[in-house]
Every structure is written in C-alpha cells, then in structure tokens.
Amino acid sequence: QHLDGETAREDEVPQQLVNLIRFFPERWLPVKKALLRPPGEDSGVEVSLPWRLRLARACKSRGFVAAAEAESFENMLEASR
C-alpha cells in the first residue's frame, strides 16, 4: 500500500524509475539489463523474481521495455521453474 492508503496497481512503475528513464537515459540501460537478467545470475543485489517480473510487465506497459524483451524474460522464468 501507498502511504496515502491507496493500493499499488500491478502495472505501476515507481516514480523514481520514471524519472531515471526520463532524465538519465544512459543510467536506465544498466538498470534494464539487471531487471531482465536471467534468474540465478549474480548481481550483488537481488530483487525477488516475482517483483522483477511485475516491474518488467509494468515497464512493458509504459513502453520502457520492448514487448519482446519482457516476453523473453517471462520465458526464461518459466524455463527455470
């Protein structure tokens, strides 16, 4: 839930990430690469796979991630189960 009591939407991209993409596009590429990396690949900092999948889908709906990239990530997750 948000601080104001509203429940977060499934397709919501955090405002900080939107600002990063908008104002610092060169910094978005490494973040996107980390978001869409294969499961189990060590990055030093790990975000759970369900959250990565949710964020990847939200970024796809906003046009920040190509549909093919998001679908490829989803297929990798399915294959790793």
N, C-alpha and C. Protein backbone atom coordinates (compact mmCIF):
# COMPACT_ATOMS: atom_id res chain seq x y z
N GLN A 1 0.83 -1.18 0.00
CA GLN A 1 0.00 0.00 0.00
C GLN A 1 0.87 1.25 0.00
N HIS A 2 0.33 2.28 -0.58
CA HIS A 2 0.98 3.57 -0.56
C HIS A 2 0.74 4.23 0.80
N LEU A 3 1.50 5.25 1.09
CA LEU A 3 1.34 5.97 2.35
C LEU A 3 -0.03 6.61 2.49
N ASP A 4 -0.62 6.98 1.36
CA ASP A 4 -1.93 7.64 1.43
C ASP A 4 -3.08 6.64 1.49
N GLY A 5 -2.77 5.35 1.64
CA GLY A 5 -3.81 4.34 1.80
C GLY A 5 -4.26 3.68 0.52
N GLU A 6 -3.83 4.18 -0.62
CA GLU A 6 -4.21 3.56 -1.89
C GLU A 6 -3.36 2.31 -2.11
N THR A 7 -3.95 1.32 -2.72
CA THR A 7 -3.23 0.10 -3.05
C THR A 7 -2.49 0.31 -4.37
N ALA A 8 -1.25 -0.16 -4.43
CA ALA A 8 -0.44 -0.01 -5.65
C ALA A 8 -1.05 -0.86 -6.76
N ARG A 9 -1.07 -0.31 -7.95
CA ARG A 9 -1.57 -1.05 -9.12
C ARG A 9 -0.48 -1.99 -9.61
N GLU A 10 -0.90 -3.09 -10.21
CA GLU A 10 0.04 -4.08 -10.75
C GLU A 10 0.95 -3.50 -11.81
N ASP A 11 0.43 -2.56 -12.60
CA ASP A 11 1.21 -2.04 -13.73
C ASP A 11 1.87 -0.71 -13.42
N GLU A 12 2.04 -0.41 -12.14
CA GLU A 12 2.62 0.87 -11.75
C GLU A 12 4.14 0.81 -11.76
N VAL A 13 4.75 1.80 -12.41
CA VAL A 13 6.20 1.95 -12.41
C VAL A 13 6.53 3.01 -11.37
N PRO A 14 7.43 2.71 -10.42
CA PRO A 14 7.76 3.71 -9.40
C PRO A 14 8.22 5.03 -10.04
N GLN A 15 7.79 6.14 -9.44
CA GLN A 15 8.11 7.45 -9.98
C GLN A 15 9.61 7.68 -10.08
N GLN A 16 10.39 7.15 -9.14
CA GLN A 16 11.84 7.31 -9.18
C GLN A 16 12.41 6.67 -10.45
N LEU A 17 11.86 5.53 -10.84
CA LEU A 17 12.33 4.86 -12.06
C LEU A 17 11.91 5.64 -13.30
N VAL A 18 10.71 6.18 -13.30
CA VAL A 18 10.26 7.01 -14.42
C VAL A 18 11.18 8.22 -14.57
N ASN A 19 11.53 8.85 -13.45
CA ASN A 19 12.44 10.00 -13.50
C ASN A 19 13.82 9.60 -14.02
N LEU A 20 14.33 8.45 -13.59
CA LEU A 20 15.61 7.95 -14.07
C LEU A 20 15.58 7.77 -15.58
N ILE A 21 14.53 7.13 -16.07
CA ILE A 21 14.40 6.87 -17.51
C ILE A 21 14.28 8.18 -18.29
N ARG A 22 13.51 9.10 -17.77
CA ARG A 22 13.27 10.36 -18.46
C ARG A 22 14.49 11.28 -18.46
N PHE A 23 15.13 11.44 -17.32
CA PHE A 23 16.19 12.44 -17.19
C PHE A 23 17.61 11.88 -17.31
N PHE A 24 17.77 10.58 -17.11
CA PHE A 24 19.09 9.95 -17.18
C PHE A 24 19.02 8.66 -17.99
N PRO A 25 18.69 8.76 -19.28
CA PRO A 25 18.50 7.54 -20.08
C PRO A 25 19.74 6.66 -20.13
N GLU A 26 20.93 7.24 -20.01
CA GLU A 26 22.14 6.42 -20.03
C GLU A 26 22.25 5.54 -18.79
N ARG A 27 21.60 5.92 -17.71
CA ARG A 27 21.61 5.10 -16.49
C ARG A 27 20.51 4.04 -16.52
N TRP A 28 19.53 4.20 -17.38
CA TRP A 28 18.44 3.23 -17.48
C TRP A 28 18.93 1.92 -18.09
N LEU A 29 19.83 1.97 -19.04
CA LEU A 29 20.28 0.74 -19.72
C LEU A 29 20.86 -0.29 -18.75
N PRO A 30 21.77 0.06 -17.83
CA PRO A 30 22.25 -0.95 -16.88
C PRO A 30 21.16 -1.45 -15.93
N VAL A 31 20.23 -0.58 -15.57
CA VAL A 31 19.12 -0.99 -14.70
C VAL A 31 18.23 -1.98 -15.45
N LYS A 32 17.93 -1.66 -16.71
CA LYS A 32 17.10 -2.56 -17.51
C LYS A 32 17.79 -3.91 -17.70
N LYS A 33 19.09 -3.89 -17.93
CA LYS A 33 19.85 -5.14 -18.09
C LYS A 33 19.76 -5.98 -16.81
N ALA A 34 19.89 -5.33 -15.65
CA ALA A 34 19.79 -6.04 -14.37
C ALA A 34 18.38 -6.58 -14.15
N LEU A 35 17.38 -5.80 -14.53
CA LEU A 35 15.99 -6.22 -14.37
C LEU A 35 15.69 -7.47 -15.19
N LEU A 36 16.19 -7.51 -16.42
CA LEU A 36 15.86 -8.59 -17.35
C LEU A 36 16.90 -9.71 -17.38
N ARG A 37 17.87 -9.69 -16.47
CA ARG A 37 18.91 -10.72 -16.48
C ARG A 37 18.32 -12.08 -16.12
N PRO A 38 18.98 -13.15 -16.54
CA PRO A 38 18.47 -14.49 -16.25
C PRO A 38 18.42 -14.76 -14.75
N PRO A 39 17.47 -15.57 -14.31
CA PRO A 39 17.38 -15.92 -12.89
C PRO A 39 18.65 -16.64 -12.44
N GLY A 40 19.10 -16.34 -11.24
CA GLY A 40 20.27 -17.00 -10.69
C GLY A 40 21.59 -16.34 -11.03
N GLU A 41 21.60 -15.42 -11.97
CA GLU A 41 22.83 -14.71 -12.32
C GLU A 41 23.14 -13.73 -11.20
N ASP A 42 24.36 -13.80 -10.66
CA ASP A 42 24.72 -12.98 -9.51
C ASP A 42 24.92 -11.53 -9.91
N SER A 43 24.25 -10.63 -9.17
CA SER A 43 24.39 -9.20 -9.44
C SER A 43 24.86 -8.44 -8.21
N GLY A 44 25.04 -9.14 -7.09
CA GLY A 44 25.42 -8.47 -5.86
C GLY A 44 24.21 -8.04 -5.04
N VAL A 45 23.18 -7.55 -5.70
CA VAL A 45 21.93 -7.17 -5.04
C VAL A 45 20.81 -7.91 -5.73
N GLU A 46 19.98 -8.59 -4.95
CA GLU A 46 18.93 -9.40 -5.57
C GLU A 46 17.55 -8.87 -5.19
N VAL A 47 16.71 -8.76 -6.19
CA VAL A 47 15.30 -8.46 -6.01
C VAL A 47 14.57 -9.73 -6.38
N SER A 48 13.53 -10.06 -5.64
CA SER A 48 12.83 -11.32 -5.88
C SER A 48 12.31 -11.40 -7.31
N LEU A 49 12.26 -12.61 -7.82
CA LEU A 49 11.80 -12.82 -9.19
C LEU A 49 10.36 -12.33 -9.42
N PRO A 50 9.44 -12.56 -8.48
CA PRO A 50 8.08 -12.03 -8.70
C PRO A 50 8.06 -10.51 -8.85
N TRP A 51 8.88 -9.80 -8.07
CA TRP A 51 8.93 -8.35 -8.19
C TRP A 51 9.57 -7.92 -9.50
N ARG A 52 10.61 -8.64 -9.92
CA ARG A 52 11.24 -8.31 -11.21
C ARG A 52 10.26 -8.53 -12.34
N LEU A 53 9.49 -9.62 -12.28
CA LEU A 53 8.50 -9.90 -13.32
C LEU A 53 7.42 -8.82 -13.32
N ARG A 54 6.95 -8.45 -12.15
CA ARG A 54 5.92 -7.40 -12.06
C ARG A 54 6.44 -6.08 -12.63
N LEU A 55 7.67 -5.72 -12.28
CA LEU A 55 8.24 -4.47 -12.77
C LEU A 55 8.49 -4.54 -14.28
N ALA A 56 8.94 -5.70 -14.77
CA ALA A 56 9.16 -5.85 -16.21
C ALA A 56 7.85 -5.69 -16.98
N ARG A 57 6.77 -6.26 -16.46
CA ARG A 57 5.46 -6.12 -17.11
C ARG A 57 4.98 -4.67 -17.07
N ALA A 58 5.20 -4.00 -15.94
CA ALA A 58 4.80 -2.60 -15.82
C ALA A 58 5.60 -1.73 -16.78
N CYS A 59 6.90 -1.99 -16.89
CA CYS A 59 7.74 -1.23 -17.82
C CYS A 59 7.33 -1.49 -19.26
N LYS A 60 6.93 -2.72 -19.55
CA LYS A 60 6.44 -3.03 -20.90
C LYS A 60 5.17 -2.25 -21.21
N SER A 61 4.27 -2.17 -20.23
CA SER A 61 3.00 -1.46 -20.47
C SER A 61 3.22 0.04 -20.68
N ARG A 62 4.29 0.58 -20.12
CA ARG A 62 4.61 2.01 -20.29
C ARG A 62 5.53 2.26 -21.48
N GLY A 63 6.00 1.18 -22.14
CA GLY A 63 6.86 1.34 -23.29
C GLY A 63 8.34 1.50 -22.95
N PHE A 64 8.71 1.26 -21.70
CA PHE A 64 10.11 1.38 -21.29
C PHE A 64 10.91 0.14 -21.64
N VAL A 65 10.23 -0.98 -21.80
CA VAL A 65 10.84 -2.26 -22.17
C VAL A 65 10.08 -2.78 -23.38
N ALA A 66 10.79 -3.25 -24.37
CA ALA A 66 10.14 -3.80 -25.56
C ALA A 66 9.36 -5.06 -25.20
N ALA A 67 8.29 -5.29 -25.91
CA ALA A 67 7.46 -6.48 -25.66
C ALA A 67 8.29 -7.75 -25.80
N ALA A 68 9.16 -7.80 -26.78
CA ALA A 68 9.98 -8.99 -26.99
C ALA A 68 10.93 -9.22 -25.81
N GLU A 69 11.47 -8.14 -25.23
CA GLU A 69 12.35 -8.28 -24.07
C GLU A 69 11.60 -8.82 -22.86
N ALA A 70 10.41 -8.28 -22.62
CA ALA A 70 9.61 -8.73 -21.49
C ALA A 70 9.17 -10.18 -21.67
N GLU A 71 8.76 -10.54 -22.87
CA GLU A 71 8.34 -11.91 -23.13
C GLU A 71 9.50 -12.88 -23.01
N SER A 72 10.68 -12.47 -23.46
CA SER A 72 11.86 -13.31 -23.33
C SER A 72 12.19 -13.54 -21.85
N PHE A 73 12.08 -12.49 -21.04
CA PHE A 73 12.32 -12.62 -19.60
C PHE A 73 11.30 -13.57 -18.97
N GLU A 74 10.02 -13.42 -19.33
CA GLU A 74 8.99 -14.31 -18.81
C GLU A 74 9.27 -15.75 -19.20
N ASN A 75 9.70 -15.98 -20.44
CA ASN A 75 10.01 -17.34 -20.89
C ASN A 75 11.19 -17.92 -20.13
N MET A 76 12.21 -17.08 -19.83
CA MET A 76 13.35 -17.55 -19.02
C MET A 76 12.89 -17.97 -17.64
N LEU A 77 11.98 -17.21 -17.05
CA LEU A 77 11.47 -17.55 -15.71
C LEU A 77 10.70 -18.86 -15.75
N GLU A 78 9.87 -19.03 -16.77
CA GLU A 78 9.11 -20.28 -16.92
C GLU A 78 10.03 -21.47 -17.08
N ALA A 79 11.08 -21.32 -17.87
CA ALA A 79 12.02 -22.41 -18.13
C ALA A 79 12.82 -22.77 -16.88
N SER A 80 13.04 -21.79 -16.00
CA SER A 80 13.86 -22.04 -14.81
C SER A 80 13.08 -22.71 -13.69
N ARG A 81 11.77 -22.78 -13.81
CA ARG A 81 10.94 -23.41 -12.75
C ARG A 81 11.03 -24.89 -12.75
